[in-house]
Amino acid sequence: MIRTVLIALSLTIAPLTAMAECPYDHQQAMSCADGKVWDKDSKSCTSATG
């Protein structure tokens, strides 16, 4: 019985701790087109040359 409660508790807490590590307004590009880089200030891909 105690083992079941501990397992249920750990399965409930695990996703909550994962969500706490990543704020809701966090965005990141997985990849940008060739010649572009991720600009964290504008939160978009921008030209890599300047």
PDB file of N, CA and C in Angstrom:
ATOM      1  N   MET A   1       0.825  -1.197   0.000  1.00  0.00           N
ATOM      2  CA  MET A   1       0.000   0.000   0.000  1.00  0.00           C
ATOM      3  C   MET A   1       0.871   1.263   0.000  1.00  0.00           C
ATOM      4  N   ILE A   2       1.840   1.326   0.905  1.00  0.00           N
ATOM      5  CA  ILE A   2       2.714   2.498   0.972  1.00  0.00           C
ATOM      6  C   ILE A   2       3.533   2.620  -0.304  1.00  0.00           C
ATOM      7  N   ARG A   3       3.976   1.490  -0.828  1.00  0.00           N
ATOM      8  CA  ARG A   3       4.758   1.492  -2.060  1.00  0.00           C
ATOM      9  C   ARG A   3       3.928   2.071  -3.214  1.00  0.00           C
ATOM     10  N   THR A   4       2.673   1.712  -3.303  1.00  0.00           N
ATOM     11  CA  THR A   4       1.785   2.208  -4.352  1.00  0.00           C
ATOM     12  C   THR A   4       1.589   3.712  -4.230  1.00  0.00           C
ATOM     13  N   VAL A   5       1.420   4.195  -3.030  1.00  0.00           N
ATOM     14  CA  VAL A   5       1.243   5.632  -2.800  1.00  0.00           C
ATOM     15  C   VAL A   5       2.508   6.387  -3.188  1.00  0.00           C
ATOM     16  N   LEU A   6       3.664   5.866  -2.835  1.00  0.00           N
ATOM     17  CA  LEU A   6       4.932   6.524  -3.186  1.00  0.00           C
ATOM     18  C   LEU A   6       5.145   6.558  -4.693  1.00  0.00           C
ATOM     19  N   ILE A   7       4.809   5.489  -5.370  1.00  0.00           N
ATOM     20  CA  ILE A   7       4.944   5.459  -6.830  1.00  0.00           C
ATOM     21  C   ILE A   7       3.990   6.462  -7.473  1.00  0.00           C
ATOM     22  N   ALA A   8       2.756   6.504  -7.011  1.00  0.00           N
ATOM     23  CA  ALA A   8       1.781   7.453  -7.544  1.00  0.00           C
ATOM     24  C   ALA A   8       2.229   8.894  -7.299  1.00  0.00           C
ATOM     25  N   LEU A   9       2.763   9.148  -6.133  1.00  0.00           N
ATOM     26  CA  LEU A   9       3.250  10.484  -5.802  1.00  0.00           C
ATOM     27  C   LEU A   9       4.416  10.884  -6.691  1.00  0.00           C
ATOM     28  N   SER A  10       5.350   9.979  -6.906  1.00  0.00           N
ATOM     29  CA  SER A  10       6.502  10.294  -7.755  1.00  0.00           C
ATOM     30  C   SER A  10       6.083  10.519  -9.204  1.00  0.00           C
ATOM     31  N   LEU A  11       5.089   9.767  -9.677  1.00  0.00           N
ATOM     32  CA  LEU A  11       4.611   9.966 -11.043  1.00  0.00           C
ATOM     33  C   LEU A  11       3.847  11.276 -11.196  1.00  0.00           C
ATOM     34  N   THR A  12       3.314  11.782 -10.106  1.00  0.00           N
ATOM     35  CA  THR A  12       2.617  13.064 -10.133  1.00  0.00           C
ATOM     36  C   THR A  12       3.608  14.220 -10.069  1.00  0.00           C
ATOM     37  N   ILE A  13       4.632  14.083  -9.269  1.00  0.00           N
ATOM     38  CA  ILE A  13       5.603  15.162  -9.066  1.00  0.00           C
ATOM     39  C   ILE A  13       6.563  15.306 -10.242  1.00  0.00           C
ATOM     40  N   ALA A  14       6.935  14.229 -10.907  1.00  0.00           N
ATOM     41  CA  ALA A  14       7.919  14.278 -11.987  1.00  0.00           C
ATOM     42  C   ALA A  14       7.557  15.269 -13.097  1.00  0.00           C
ATOM     43  N   PRO A  15       6.347  15.244 -13.644  1.00  0.00           N
ATOM     44  CA  PRO A  15       6.017  16.224 -14.685  1.00  0.00           C
ATOM     45  C   PRO A  15       5.992  17.663 -14.170  1.00  0.00           C
ATOM     46  N   LEU A  16       5.613  17.846 -12.934  1.00  0.00           N
ATOM     47  CA  LEU A  16       5.568  19.196 -12.367  1.00  0.00           C
ATOM     48  C   LEU A  16       6.967  19.791 -12.265  1.00  0.00           C
ATOM     49  N   THR A  17       7.945  18.994 -11.880  1.00  0.00           N
ATOM     50  CA  THR A  17       9.315  19.508 -11.795  1.00  0.00           C
ATOM     51  C   THR A  17       9.870  19.780 -13.183  1.00  0.00           C
ATOM     52  N   ALA A  18       9.493  18.996 -14.169  1.00  0.00           N
ATOM     53  CA  ALA A  18       9.952  19.244 -15.534  1.00  0.00           C
ATOM     54  C   ALA A  18       9.366  20.550 -16.068  1.00  0.00           C
ATOM     55  N   MET A  19       8.103  20.823 -15.755  1.00  0.00           N
ATOM     56  CA  MET A  19       7.481  22.071 -16.200  1.00  0.00           C
ATOM     57  C   MET A  19       8.106  23.272 -15.505  1.00  0.00           C
ATOM     58  N   ALA A  20       8.551  23.123 -14.302  1.00  0.00           N
ATOM     59  CA  ALA A  20       9.133  24.234 -13.560  1.00  0.00           C
ATOM     60  C   ALA A  20      10.464  24.666 -14.159  1.00  0.00           C
ATOM     61  N   GLU A  21      11.144  23.767 -14.842  1.00  0.00           N
ATOM     62  CA  GLU A  21      12.437  24.096 -15.429  1.00  0.00           C
ATOM     63  C   GLU A  21      12.303  24.920 -16.702  1.00  0.00           C
ATOM     64  N   CYS A  22      11.158  24.921 -17.328  1.00  0.00           N
ATOM     65  CA  CYS A  22      10.964  25.616 -18.596  1.00  0.00           C
ATOM     66  C   CYS A  22       9.794  26.578 -18.475  1.00  0.00           C
ATOM     67  N   PRO A  23      10.066  27.873 -18.393  1.00  0.00           N
ATOM     68  CA  PRO A  23       8.976  28.834 -18.262  1.00  0.00           C
ATOM     69  C   PRO A  23       8.073  28.823 -19.501  1.00  0.00           C
ATOM     70  N   TYR A  24       6.828  29.273 -19.309  1.00  0.00           N
ATOM     71  CA  TYR A  24       5.839  29.231 -20.377  1.00  0.00           C
ATOM     72  C   TYR A  24       6.205  30.129 -21.551  1.00  0.00           C
ATOM     73  N   ASP A  25       6.921  31.235 -21.325  1.00  0.00           N
ATOM     74  CA  ASP A  25       7.253  32.143 -22.423  1.00  0.00           C
ATOM     75  C   ASP A  25       8.537  31.739 -23.138  1.00  0.00           C
ATOM     76  N   HIS A  26       9.078  30.609 -22.793  1.00  0.00           N
ATOM     77  CA  HIS A  26      10.315  30.135 -23.400  1.00  0.00           C
ATOM     78  C   HIS A  26      10.033  29.577 -24.788  1.00  0.00           C
ATOM     79  N   GLN A  27      10.744  30.088 -25.771  1.00  0.00           N
ATOM     80  CA  GLN A  27      10.624  29.571 -27.126  1.00  0.00           C
ATOM     81  C   GLN A  27      12.019  29.400 -27.691  1.00  0.00           C
ATOM     82  N   GLN A  28      12.185  28.374 -28.480  1.00  0.00           N
ATOM     83  CA  GLN A  28      13.485  28.132 -29.086  1.00  0.00           C
ATOM     84  C   GLN A  28      13.261  27.494 -30.442  1.00  0.00           C
ATOM     85  N   ALA A  29      14.000  27.966 -31.432  1.00  0.00           N
ATOM     86  CA  ALA A  29      13.902  27.369 -32.754  1.00  0.00           C
ATOM     87  C   ALA A  29      14.705  26.079 -32.770  1.00  0.00           C
ATOM     88  N   MET A  30      14.123  25.057 -33.315  1.00  0.00           N
ATOM     89  CA  MET A  30      14.853  23.802 -33.432  1.00  0.00           C
ATOM     90  C   MET A  30      15.939  23.936 -34.487  1.00  0.00           C
ATOM     91  N   SER A  31      15.654  24.685 -35.537  1.00  0.00           N
ATOM     92  CA  SER A  31      16.654  24.946 -36.560  1.00  0.00           C
ATOM     93  C   SER A  31      16.202  26.151 -37.381  1.00  0.00           C
ATOM     94  N   CYS A  32      17.173  26.818 -37.960  1.00  0.00           N
ATOM     95  CA  CYS A  32      16.892  27.945 -38.839  1.00  0.00           C
ATOM     96  C   CYS A  32      17.380  27.576 -40.239  1.00  0.00           C
ATOM     97  N   ALA A  33      16.873  28.271 -41.224  1.00  0.00           N
ATOM     98  CA  ALA A  33      17.293  28.036 -42.606  1.00  0.00           C
ATOM     99  C   ALA A  33      18.778  28.360 -42.755  1.00  0.00           C
ATOM    100  N   ASP A  34      19.385  27.864 -43.822  1.00  0.00           N
ATOM    101  CA  ASP A  34      20.797  28.145 -44.084  1.00  0.00           C
ATOM    102  C   ASP A  34      21.029  29.650 -44.141  1.00  0.00           C
ATOM    103  N   GLY A  35      22.100  30.101 -43.504  1.00  0.00           N
ATOM    104  CA  GLY A  35      22.432  31.514 -43.487  1.00  0.00           C
ATOM    105  C   GLY A  35      21.703  32.309 -42.430  1.00  0.00           C
ATOM    106  N   LYS A  36      20.931  31.632 -41.588  1.00  0.00           N
ATOM    107  CA  LYS A  36      20.194  32.317 -40.525  1.00  0.00           C
ATOM    108  C   LYS A  36      20.561  31.702 -39.178  1.00  0.00           C
ATOM    109  N   VAL A  37      20.454  32.509 -38.129  1.00  0.00           N
ATOM    110  CA  VAL A  37      20.725  32.057 -36.770  1.00  0.00           C
ATOM    111  C   VAL A  37      19.580  32.491 -35.862  1.00  0.00           C
ATOM    112  N   TRP A  38      19.429  31.819 -34.721  1.00  0.00           N
ATOM    113  CA  TRP A  38      18.379  32.152 -33.766  1.00  0.00           C
ATOM    114  C   TRP A  38      18.776  33.384 -32.971  1.00  0.00           C
ATOM    115  N   ASP A  39      17.903  34.377 -32.960  1.00  0.00           N
ATOM    116  CA  ASP A  39      18.098  35.597 -32.179  1.00  0.00           C
ATOM    117  C   ASP A  39      17.177  35.532 -30.976  1.00  0.00           C
ATOM    118  N   LYS A  40      17.769  35.370 -29.788  1.00  0.00           N
ATOM    119  CA  LYS A  40      16.948  35.203 -28.582  1.00  0.00           C
ATOM    120  C   LYS A  40      16.184  36.467 -28.222  1.00  0.00           C
ATOM    121  N   ASP A  41      16.694  37.634 -28.599  1.00  0.00           N
ATOM    122  CA  ASP A  41      15.997  38.879 -28.277  1.00  0.00           C
ATOM    123  C   ASP A  41      14.710  39.034 -29.081  1.00  0.00           C
ATOM    124  N   SER A  42      14.790  38.774 -30.385  1.00  0.00           N
ATOM    125  CA  SER A  42      13.595  38.900 -31.214  1.00  0.00           C
ATOM    126  C   SER A  42      12.808  37.601 -31.300  1.00  0.00           C
ATOM    127  N   LYS A  43      13.397  36.521 -30.739  1.00  0.00           N
ATOM    128  CA  LYS A  43      12.778  35.197 -30.741  1.00  0.00           C
ATOM    129  C   LYS A  43      12.394  34.743 -32.139  1.00  0.00           C
ATOM    130  N   SER A  44      13.352  34.925 -33.060  1.00  0.00           N
ATOM    131  CA  SER A  44      13.120  34.494 -34.441  1.00  0.00           C
ATOM    132  C   SER A  44      14.468  34.254 -35.112  1.00  0.00           C
ATOM    133  N   CYS A  45      14.429  33.654 -36.285  1.00  0.00           N
ATOM    134  CA  CYS A  45      15.646  33.450 -37.070  1.00  0.00           C
ATOM    135  C   CYS A  45      15.979  34.751 -37.784  1.00  0.00           C
ATOM    136  N   THR A  46      17.247  35.147 -37.729  1.00  0.00           N
ATOM    137  CA  THR A  46      17.695  36.356 -38.387  1.00  0.00           C
ATOM    138  C   THR A  46      18.904  36.039 -39.243  1.00  0.00           C
ATOM    139  N   SER A  47      19.259  36.958 -40.108  1.00  0.00           N
ATOM    140  CA  SER A  47      20.389  36.777 -41.008  1.00  0.00           C
ATOM    141  C   SER A  47      21.684  36.635 -40.206  1.00  0.00           C
ATOM    142  N   ALA A  48      22.508  35.679 -40.576  1.00  0.00           N
ATOM    143  CA  ALA A  48      23.750  35.431 -39.855  1.00  0.00           C
ATOM    144  C   ALA A  48      24.831  36.444 -40.206  1.00  0.00           C
ATOM    145  N   THR A  49      24.662  37.194 -41.291  1.00  0.00           N
ATOM    146  CA  THR A  49      25.690  38.134 -41.728  1.00  0.00           C
ATOM    147  C   THR A  49      25.597  39.472 -41.058  1.00  0.00           C
ATOM    148  N   GLY A  50      24.586  39.745 -40.343  1.00  0.00           N
ATOM    149  CA  GLY A  50      24.572  41.039 -39.674  1.00  0.00           C
ATOM    150  C   GLY A  50      23.244  41.452 -39.287  1.00  0.00           C
TER     151      GLY A  50
END
